[in-house]
PDB file of N, CA and C in Angstrom:
ATOM      1  N   UNK A   1       1.600   0.956   9.544  1.00  0.00           N
ATOM      2  CA  UNK A   1       1.607   2.278   9.888  1.00  0.00           C
ATOM      3  C   UNK A   1       2.583   2.537  11.005  1.00  0.00           C
ATOM      4  N   UNK A   2       3.634   3.593  10.833  1.00  0.00           N
ATOM      5  CA  UNK A   2       4.474   4.001  12.083  1.00  0.00           C
ATOM      6  C   UNK A   2       3.880   5.347  12.544  1.00  0.00           C
ATOM      7  N   UNK A   3       3.809   5.259  13.840  1.00  0.00           N
ATOM      8  CA  UNK A   3       3.350   6.510  14.359  1.00  0.00           C
ATOM      9  C   UNK A   3       4.593   7.198  15.246  1.00  0.00           C
ATOM     10  N   UNK A   4       4.824   8.299  15.116  1.00  0.00           N
ATOM     11  CA  UNK A   4       6.332   8.837  15.802  1.00  0.00           C
ATOM     12  C   UNK A   4       5.822  10.140  16.548  1.00  0.00           C
ATOM     13  N   UNK A   5       6.374  10.394  17.860  1.00  0.00           N
ATOM     14  CA  UNK A   5       6.468  11.539  18.239  1.00  0.00           C
ATOM     15  C   UNK A   5       7.599  12.323  18.056  1.00  0.00           C
ATOM     16  N   UNK A   6       7.652  13.534  17.590  1.00  0.00           N
ATOM     17  CA  UNK A   6       8.909  14.174  17.083  1.00  0.00           C
ATOM     18  C   UNK A   6       9.073  15.530  17.927  1.00  0.00           C
ATOM     19  N   UNK A   7       9.962  15.680  18.487  1.00  0.00           N
ATOM     20  CA  UNK A   7      10.381  16.787  19.229  1.00  0.00           C
ATOM     21  C   UNK A   7      11.158  17.972  18.234  1.00  0.00           C
ATOM     22  N   UNK A   8      10.761  18.889  17.967  1.00  0.00           N
ATOM     23  CA  UNK A   8      11.308  20.141  17.013  1.00  0.00           C
ATOM     24  C   UNK A   8      11.911  21.265  17.713  1.00  0.00           C
ATOM     25  N   UNK A   9      12.978  21.419  17.835  1.00  0.00           N
ATOM     26  CA  UNK A   9      13.526  22.642  18.295  1.00  0.00           C
ATOM     27  C   UNK A   9      13.999  23.641  17.296  1.00  0.00           C
ATOM     28  N   UNK A  10      13.244  24.712  17.451  1.00  0.00           N
ATOM     29  CA  UNK A  10      13.342  25.953  16.442  1.00  0.00           C
ATOM     30  C   UNK A  10      13.766  27.186  17.008  1.00  0.00           C
ATOM     31  N   UNK A  11      14.258  28.136  16.115  1.00  0.00           N
ATOM     32  CA  UNK A  11      14.663  29.402  16.569  1.00  0.00           C
ATOM     33  C   UNK A  11      13.283  30.233  16.962  1.00  0.00           C
ATOM     34  N   UNK A  12      13.150  30.752  18.102  1.00  0.00           N
ATOM     35  CA  UNK A  12      12.106  31.336  18.796  1.00  0.00           C
ATOM     36  C   UNK A  12      11.388  32.419  17.656  1.00  0.00           C
ATOM     37  N   UNK A  13      12.236  33.178  16.869  1.00  0.00           N
ATOM     38  CA  UNK A  13      11.613  33.966  16.173  1.00  0.00           C
ATOM     39  C   UNK A  13      11.016  33.428  14.744  1.00  0.00           C
ATOM     40  N   UNK A  14      11.242  32.251  14.618  1.00  0.00           N
ATOM     41  CA  UNK A  14      10.485  31.406  13.385  1.00  0.00           C
ATOM     42  C   UNK A  14       9.566  30.506  13.852  1.00  0.00           C
ATOM     43  N   UNK A  15       9.276  30.270  15.135  1.00  0.00           N
ATOM     44  CA  UNK A  15       8.124  29.260  15.687  1.00  0.00           C
ATOM     45  C   UNK A  15       6.923  29.416  15.033  1.00  0.00           C
ATOM     46  N   UNK A  16       6.302  30.444  15.037  1.00  0.00           N
ATOM     47  CA  UNK A  16       5.012  30.648  14.510  1.00  0.00           C
ATOM     48  C   UNK A  16       5.019  30.277  13.012  1.00  0.00           C
ATOM     49  N   UNK A  17       5.857  30.694  12.164  1.00  0.00           N
ATOM     50  CA  UNK A  17       5.974  30.269  10.860  1.00  0.00           C
ATOM     51  C   UNK A  17       6.367  28.813  10.595  1.00  0.00           C
ATOM     52  N   UNK A  18       7.030  28.283  11.391  1.00  0.00           N
ATOM     53  CA  UNK A  18       7.257  26.694  11.392  1.00  0.00           C
ATOM     54  C   UNK A  18       6.016  26.183  11.799  1.00  0.00           C
ATOM     55  N   UNK A  19       5.299  26.518  12.788  1.00  0.00           N
ATOM     56  CA  UNK A  19       4.199  25.920  13.279  1.00  0.00           C
ATOM     57  C   UNK A  19       2.870  25.843  12.201  1.00  0.00           C
ATOM     58  N   UNK A  20       2.867  26.980  11.484  1.00  0.00           N
ATOM     59  CA  UNK A  20       1.865  27.116  10.258  1.00  0.00           C
ATOM     60  C   UNK A  20       2.183  26.031   9.213  1.00  0.00           C
ATOM     61  N   UNK A  21       3.482  26.035   8.735  1.00  0.00           N
ATOM     62  CA  UNK A  21       3.900  24.938   7.785  1.00  0.00           C
ATOM     63  C   UNK A  21       3.557  23.528   8.237  1.00  0.00           C
ATOM     64  N   UNK A  22       4.143  23.159   9.597  1.00  0.00           N
ATOM     65  CA  UNK A  22       3.753  21.846  10.116  1.00  0.00           C
ATOM     66  C   UNK A  22       2.286  21.475   9.914  1.00  0.00           C
ATOM     67  N   UNK A  23       1.424  22.388  10.439  1.00  0.00           N
ATOM     68  CA  UNK A  23       0.238  22.146  10.433  1.00  0.00           C
ATOM     69  C   UNK A  23      -0.635  21.818   8.994  1.00  0.00           C
ATOM     70  N   UNK A  24       0.140  22.431   8.136  1.00  0.00           N
ATOM     71  CA  UNK A  24      -0.488  22.076   6.760  1.00  0.00           C
ATOM     72  C   UNK A  24      -0.241  20.706   6.168  1.00  0.00           C
ATOM     73  N   UNK A  25       0.526  20.003   6.905  1.00  0.00           N
ATOM     74  CA  UNK A  25       0.658  18.652   6.347  1.00  0.00           C
ATOM     75  C   UNK A  25      -0.416  17.734   7.016  1.00  0.00           C
ATOM     76  N   UNK A  26      -1.012  16.855   6.054  1.00  0.00           N
ATOM     77  CA  UNK A  26      -1.935  15.926   6.374  1.00  0.00           C
ATOM     78  C   UNK A  26      -1.481  14.816   7.645  1.00  0.00           C
ATOM     79  N   UNK A  27      -0.091  14.365   7.413  1.00  0.00           N
ATOM     80  CA  UNK A  27       0.469  13.431   8.305  1.00  0.00           C
ATOM     81  C   UNK A  27       0.939  13.800   9.570  1.00  0.00           C
ATOM     82  N   UNK A  28       0.997  15.420   9.869  1.00  0.00           N
ATOM     83  CA  UNK A  28       1.309  15.871  10.995  1.00  0.00           C
ATOM     84  C   UNK A  28      -0.013  16.347  11.896  1.00  0.00           C
ATOM     85  N   UNK A  29       0.192  16.023  13.278  1.00  0.00           N
ATOM     86  CA  UNK A  29      -0.635  16.511  14.268  1.00  0.00           C
ATOM     87  C   UNK A  29       0.176  17.316  15.359  1.00  0.00           C
ATOM     88  N   UNK A  30      -0.203  18.451  15.535  1.00  0.00           N
ATOM     89  CA  UNK A  30       0.609  19.164  16.808  1.00  0.00           C
ATOM     90  C   UNK A  30      -0.151  19.041  17.824  1.00  0.00           C
ATOM     91  N   UNK A  31       0.498  18.281  18.948  1.00  0.00           N
ATOM     92  CA  UNK A  31      -0.129  18.290  20.114  1.00  0.00           C
ATOM     93  C   UNK A  31      -0.017  19.249  21.374  1.00  0.00           C
ATOM     94  N   UNK A  32       1.357  19.862  21.062  1.00  0.00           N
ATOM     95  CA  UNK A  32       1.879  20.786  22.139  1.00  0.00           C
ATOM     96  C   UNK A  32       2.719  21.742  21.491  1.00  0.00           C
ATOM     97  N   UNK A  33       2.585  22.884  21.904  1.00  0.00           N
ATOM     98  CA  UNK A  33       3.495  23.855  21.380  1.00  0.00           C
ATOM     99  C   UNK A  33       3.918  24.594  22.917  1.00  0.00           C
ATOM    100  N   UNK A  34       5.058  24.329  23.238  1.00  0.00           N
ATOM    101  CA  UNK A  34       5.486  24.761  24.686  1.00  0.00           C
ATOM    102  C   UNK A  34       6.007  26.140  24.615  1.00  0.00           C
ATOM    103  N   UNK A  35       6.086  26.844  25.596  1.00  0.00           N
ATOM    104  CA  UNK A  35       6.533  28.251  25.526  1.00  0.00           C
ATOM    105  C   UNK A  35       7.833  28.525  25.745  1.00  0.00           C
ATOM    106  N   UNK A  36       8.433  27.389  25.028  1.00  0.00           N
ATOM    107  CA  UNK A  36      10.113  27.718  24.819  1.00  0.00           C
ATOM    108  C   UNK A  36      10.313  27.676  23.298  1.00  0.00           C
ATOM    109  N   UNK A  37      11.382  27.004  22.825  1.00  0.00           N
ATOM    110  CA  UNK A  37      11.932  26.874  21.590  1.00  0.00           C
ATOM    111  C   UNK A  37      11.333  25.559  20.838  1.00  0.00           C
ATOM    112  N   UNK A  38      10.513  24.967  21.368  1.00  0.00           N
ATOM    113  CA  UNK A  38      10.169  23.373  21.017  1.00  0.00           C
ATOM    114  C   UNK A  38       8.792  23.270  20.479  1.00  0.00           C
ATOM    115  N   UNK A  39       8.606  22.324  19.543  1.00  0.00           N
ATOM    116  CA  UNK A  39       7.206  22.046  19.071  1.00  0.00           C
ATOM    117  C   UNK A  39       7.047  20.770  19.353  1.00  0.00           C
ATOM    118  N   UNK A  40       6.206  20.113  19.704  1.00  0.00           N
ATOM    119  CA  UNK A  40       5.811  18.660  19.876  1.00  0.00           C
ATOM    120  C   UNK A  40       4.783  18.155  18.903  1.00  0.00           C
ATOM    121  N   UNK A  41       4.976  17.111  17.967  1.00  0.00           N
ATOM    122  CA  UNK A  41       4.094  16.651  17.160  1.00  0.00           C
ATOM    123  C   UNK A  41       4.078  15.233  16.995  1.00  0.00           C
ATOM    124  N   UNK A  42       2.813  14.580  16.355  1.00  0.00           N
ATOM    125  CA  UNK A  42       2.891  13.215  16.049  1.00  0.00           C
ATOM    126  C   UNK A  42       2.716  13.109  14.616  1.00  0.00           C
ATOM    127  N   UNK A  43       3.566  12.409  13.930  1.00  0.00           N
ATOM    128  CA  UNK A  43       3.771  11.904  12.418  1.00  0.00           C
ATOM    129  C   UNK A  43       3.318  10.759  12.256  1.00  0.00           C
ATOM    130  N   UNK A  44       2.525  10.552  11.066  1.00  0.00           N
ATOM    131  CA  UNK A  44       2.256   9.177  10.566  1.00  0.00           C
ATOM    132  C   UNK A  44       2.887   8.986   9.312  1.00  0.00           C
ATOM    133  N   UNK A  45       3.374   7.820   9.175  1.00  0.00           N
ATOM    134  CA  UNK A  45       3.962   7.252   8.101  1.00  0.00           C
ATOM    135  C   UNK A  45       3.672   5.929   7.642  1.00  0.00           C
ATOM    136  N   UNK A  46       3.808   5.475   6.392  1.00  0.00           N
ATOM    137  CA  UNK A  46       3.663   4.082   6.016  1.00  0.00           C
ATOM    138  C   UNK A  46       4.900   3.311   6.328  1.00  0.00           C
ATOM    139  N   UNK A  47       6.016   3.870   6.291  1.00  0.00           N
ATOM    140  CA  UNK A  47       7.140   2.966   6.888  1.00  0.00           C
ATOM    141  C   UNK A  47       8.254   3.675   7.516  1.00  0.00           C
ATOM    142  N   UNK A  48       9.273   3.045   7.952  1.00  0.00           N
ATOM    143  CA  UNK A  48      10.286   3.807   8.638  1.00  0.00           C
ATOM    144  C   UNK A  48      11.159   4.591   7.690  1.00  0.00           C
ATOM    145  N   UNK A  49      11.171   4.116   6.432  1.00  0.00           N
ATOM    146  CA  UNK A  49      11.754   4.895   5.483  1.00  0.00           C
ATOM    147  C   UNK A  49      10.970   6.360   5.445  1.00  0.00           C
ATOM    148  N   UNK A  50       9.846   6.072   5.008  1.00  0.00           N
ATOM    149  CA  UNK A  50       9.007   7.275   4.653  1.00  0.00           C
ATOM    150  C   UNK A  50       9.157   8.481   5.787  1.00  0.00           C
ATOM    151  N   UNK A  51       9.205   7.460   7.138  1.00  0.00           N
ATOM    152  CA  UNK A  51       9.274   8.632   8.469  1.00  0.00           C
ATOM    153  C   UNK A  51      10.394   9.465   8.272  1.00  0.00           C
ATOM    154  N   UNK A  52      11.622   8.727   8.066  1.00  0.00           N
ATOM    155  CA  UNK A  52      12.843   9.190   8.004  1.00  0.00           C
ATOM    156  C   UNK A  52      12.981  10.277   7.043  1.00  0.00           C
ATOM    157  N   UNK A  53      12.634  10.051   6.087  1.00  0.00           N
ATOM    158  CA  UNK A  53      12.336  10.994   4.701  1.00  0.00           C
ATOM    159  C   UNK A  53      11.846  12.256   4.926  1.00  0.00           C
ATOM    160  N   UNK A  54      10.549  12.185   5.586  1.00  0.00           N
ATOM    161  CA  UNK A  54       9.768  13.152   6.022  1.00  0.00           C
ATOM    162  C   UNK A  54      10.217  13.939   6.913  1.00  0.00           C
ATOM    163  N   UNK A  55      11.037  13.541   7.895  1.00  0.00           N
ATOM    164  CA  UNK A  55      11.607  14.232   8.954  1.00  0.00           C
ATOM    165  C   UNK A  55      12.704  15.042   8.516  1.00  0.00           C
ATOM    166  N   UNK A  56      13.456  14.429   7.592  1.00  0.00           N
ATOM    167  CA  UNK A  56      14.646  15.188   6.926  1.00  0.00           C
ATOM    168  C   UNK A  56      14.365  15.974   6.102  1.00  0.00           C
ATOM    169  N   UNK A  57      13.449  15.776   5.219  1.00  0.00           N
ATOM    170  CA  UNK A  57      12.962  16.536   3.822  1.00  0.00           C
ATOM    171  C   UNK A  57      12.091  17.777   4.238  1.00  0.00           C
ATOM    172  N   UNK A  58      11.070  17.338   4.848  1.00  0.00           N
ATOM    173  CA  UNK A  58       9.881  18.404   5.244  1.00  0.00           C
ATOM    174  C   UNK A  58      10.043  19.086   6.567  1.00  0.00           C
ATOM    175  N   UNK A  59      10.773  18.534   7.684  1.00  0.00           N
ATOM    176  CA  UNK A  59      10.841  19.234   8.877  1.00  0.00           C
ATOM    177  C   UNK A  59      12.083  19.866   9.138  1.00  0.00           C
ATOM    178  N   UNK A  60      13.226  18.903   9.067  1.00  0.00           N
ATOM    179  CA  UNK A  60      14.477  19.437   9.410  1.00  0.00           C
ATOM    180  C   UNK A  60      15.013  20.440   8.302  1.00  0.00           C
ATOM    181  N   UNK A  61      14.357  20.597   7.252  1.00  0.00           N
ATOM    182  CA  UNK A  61      15.168  21.487   6.117  1.00  0.00           C
ATOM    183  C   UNK A  61      14.456  22.822   6.245  1.00  0.00           C
ATOM    184  N   UNK A  62      13.473  22.889   7.155  1.00  0.00           N
ATOM    185  CA  UNK A  62      12.717  24.328   7.119  1.00  0.00           C
ATOM    186  C   UNK A  62      13.659  25.279   7.890  1.00  0.00           C
ATOM    187  N   UNK A  63      13.605  26.379   7.269  1.00  0.00           N
ATOM    188  CA  UNK A  63      14.462  27.512   7.811  1.00  0.00           C
ATOM    189  C   UNK A  63      13.912  27.883   9.257  1.00  0.00           C
ATOM    190  N   UNK A  64      15.066  27.657  10.314  1.00  0.00           N
ATOM    191  CA  UNK A  64      14.588  28.218  11.708  1.00  0.00           C
ATOM    192  C   UNK A  64      14.552  26.822  12.363  1.00  0.00           C
ATOM    193  N   UNK A  65      14.478  25.852  11.855  1.00  0.00           N
ATOM    194  CA  UNK A  65      14.469  24.441  12.465  1.00  0.00           C
ATOM    195  C   UNK A  65      16.058  24.146  12.993  1.00  0.00           C
ATOM    196  N   UNK A  66      16.206  24.020  14.191  1.00  0.00           N
ATOM    197  CA  UNK A  66      17.551  23.657  14.712  1.00  0.00           C
ATOM    198  C   UNK A  66      17.632  21.999  14.658  1.00  0.00           C
ATOM    199  N   UNK A  67      16.661  21.244  15.239  1.00  0.00           N
ATOM    200  CA  UNK A  67      16.615  20.011  15.396  1.00  0.00           C
ATOM    201  C   UNK A  67      15.280  19.334  15.132  1.00  0.00           C
ATOM    202  N   UNK A  68      15.304  18.195  14.624  1.00  0.00           N
ATOM    203  CA  UNK A  68      13.970  17.244  14.592  1.00  0.00           C
ATOM    204  C   UNK A  68      14.333  15.968  14.770  1.00  0.00           C
ATOM    205  N   UNK A  69      13.746  15.537  15.917  1.00  0.00           N
ATOM    206  CA  UNK A  69      14.175  14.084  16.463  1.00  0.00           C
ATOM    207  C   UNK A  69      12.916  13.322  16.958  1.00  0.00           C
ATOM    208  N   UNK A  70      12.821  12.000  16.456  1.00  0.00           N
ATOM    209  CA  UNK A  70      11.969  11.163  17.149  1.00  0.00           C
ATOM    210  C   UNK A  70      11.913  11.126  18.558  1.00  0.00           C
ATOM    211  N   UNK A  71      10.922  11.210  19.457  1.00  0.00           N
ATOM    212  CA  UNK A  71      11.190  10.922  20.828  1.00  0.00           C
ATOM    213  C   UNK A  71      10.624   9.474  21.224  1.00  0.00           C
ATOM    214  N   UNK A  72       9.630   8.997  20.090  1.00  0.00           N
ATOM    215  CA  UNK A  72       9.174   7.589  20.262  1.00  0.00           C
ATOM    216  C   UNK A  72       8.606   7.341  18.968  1.00  0.00           C
ATOM    217  N   UNK A  73       8.602   5.947  18.698  1.00  0.00           N
ATOM    218  CA  UNK A  73       7.903   5.354  17.472  1.00  0.00           C
ATOM    219  C   UNK A  73       7.238   4.241  17.733  1.00  0.00           C
ATOM    220  N   UNK A  74       6.024   4.019  17.024  1.00  0.00           N
ATOM    221  CA  UNK A  74       5.160   2.824  17.555  1.00  0.00           C
ATOM    222  C   UNK A  74       4.870   2.263  16.105  1.00  0.00           C
ATOM    223  N   UNK A  75       4.703   1.039  15.928  1.00  0.00           N
ATOM    224  CA  UNK A  75       4.379   0.507  14.485  1.00  0.00           C
ATOM    225  C   UNK A  75       3.225  -0.613  14.721  1.00  0.00           C
ATOM    226  N   UNK A  76       2.354  -0.720  13.755  1.00  0.00           N
ATOM    227  CA  UNK A  76       1.403  -1.744  13.704  1.00  0.00           C
ATOM    228  C   UNK A  76       1.960  -2.996  12.878  1.00  0.00           C
ATOM    229  N   UNK A  77       2.486  -3.897  13.515  1.00  0.00           N
ATOM    230  CA  UNK A  77       3.216  -5.117  12.930  1.00  0.00           C
ATOM    231  C   UNK A  77       2.350  -5.877  11.671  1.00  0.00           C
ATOM    232  N   UNK A  78       1.090  -5.784  11.953  1.00  0.00           N
ATOM    233  CA  UNK A  78       0.003  -6.646  11.173  1.00  0.00           C
ATOM    234  C   UNK A  78      -0.028  -5.993   9.838  1.00  0.00           C
ATOM    235  N   UNK A  79       0.555  -5.077   9.492  1.00  0.00           N
ATOM    236  CA  UNK A  79       0.153  -4.259   8.288  1.00  0.00           C
ATOM    237  C   UNK A  79       1.621  -3.847   7.472  1.00  0.00           C
ATOM    238  N   UNK A  80       2.520  -4.603   7.617  1.00  0.00           N
ATOM    239  CA  UNK A  80       3.719  -4.518   7.069  1.00  0.00           C
ATOM    240  C   UNK A  80       3.683  -4.689   5.590  1.00  0.00           C
ATOM    241  N   UNK A  81       4.249  -3.726   4.715  1.00  0.00           N
ATOM    242  CA  UNK A  81       4.045  -3.758   3.282  1.00  0.00           C
ATOM    243  C   UNK A  81       5.483  -3.682   2.740  1.00  0.00           C
ATOM    244  N   UNK A  82       6.340  -4.025   3.205  1.00  0.00           N
ATOM    245  CA  UNK A  82       7.726  -3.935   2.734  1.00  0.00           C
ATOM    246  C   UNK A  82       8.773  -4.727   3.136  1.00  0.00           C
ATOM    247  N   UNK A  83       9.605  -5.413   2.565  1.00  0.00           N
ATOM    248  CA  UNK A  83      10.625  -6.223   2.977  1.00  0.00           C
ATOM    249  C   UNK A  83      11.632  -5.475   4.160  1.00  0.00           C
ATOM    250  N   UNK A  84      11.684  -4.189   3.726  1.00  0.00           N
ATOM    251  CA  UNK A  84      12.629  -3.192   4.606  1.00  0.00           C
ATOM    252  C   UNK A  84      11.979  -3.276   5.924  1.00  0.00           C
ATOM    253  N   UNK A  85      10.648  -2.943   6.167  1.00  0.00           N
ATOM    254  CA  UNK A  85       9.970  -2.997   7.469  1.00  0.00           C
ATOM    255  C   UNK A  85      10.252  -4.300   8.058  1.00  0.00           C
ATOM    256  N   UNK A  86      10.235  -5.465   7.323  1.00  0.00           N
ATOM    257  CA  UNK A  86      10.119  -6.613   7.892  1.00  0.00           C
ATOM    258  C   UNK A  86      11.793  -6.934   8.474  1.00  0.00           C
ATOM    259  N   UNK A  87      12.619  -6.519   7.914  1.00  0.00           N
ATOM    260  CA  UNK A  87      14.206  -6.460   8.347  1.00  0.00           C
ATOM    261  C   UNK A  87      14.239  -5.723   9.450  1.00  0.00           C
ATOM    262  N   UNK A  88      13.786  -4.550   9.416  1.00  0.00           N
ATOM    263  CA  UNK A  88      14.121  -3.606  10.770  1.00  0.00           C
ATOM    264  C   UNK A  88      13.349  -4.261  11.849  1.00  0.00           C
ATOM    265  N   UNK A  89      11.976  -4.512  11.978  1.00  0.00           N
ATOM    266  CA  UNK A  89      11.431  -5.007  12.904  1.00  0.00           C
ATOM    267  C   UNK A  89      11.703  -6.357  13.623  1.00  0.00           C
ATOM    268  N   UNK A  90      12.343  -7.102  12.719  1.00  0.00           N
ATOM    269  CA  UNK A  90      12.622  -8.536  13.204  1.00  0.00           C
ATOM    270  C   UNK A  90      13.898  -8.559  13.821  1.00  0.00           C
TER     271      UNK A  90
END
């Protein structure tokens, strides 16, 4: 399991709409919405590839998102389930 903190920078006029969309994903927990153009969230994924794909396809592609970038990642090494993760983590 990969857990990542994601900083999402948005156009302020789209912030409420983007927050609603992000809240609808089971993998996403919004921990803080600053009084600026940023949304802070935690994303859970099964692999680094799934994390990357989710950020690119489901977050960064939303209308009004300027940038979506991991601020930190953490993985549970004992449940690796793909060769790709083994190569990345070794």
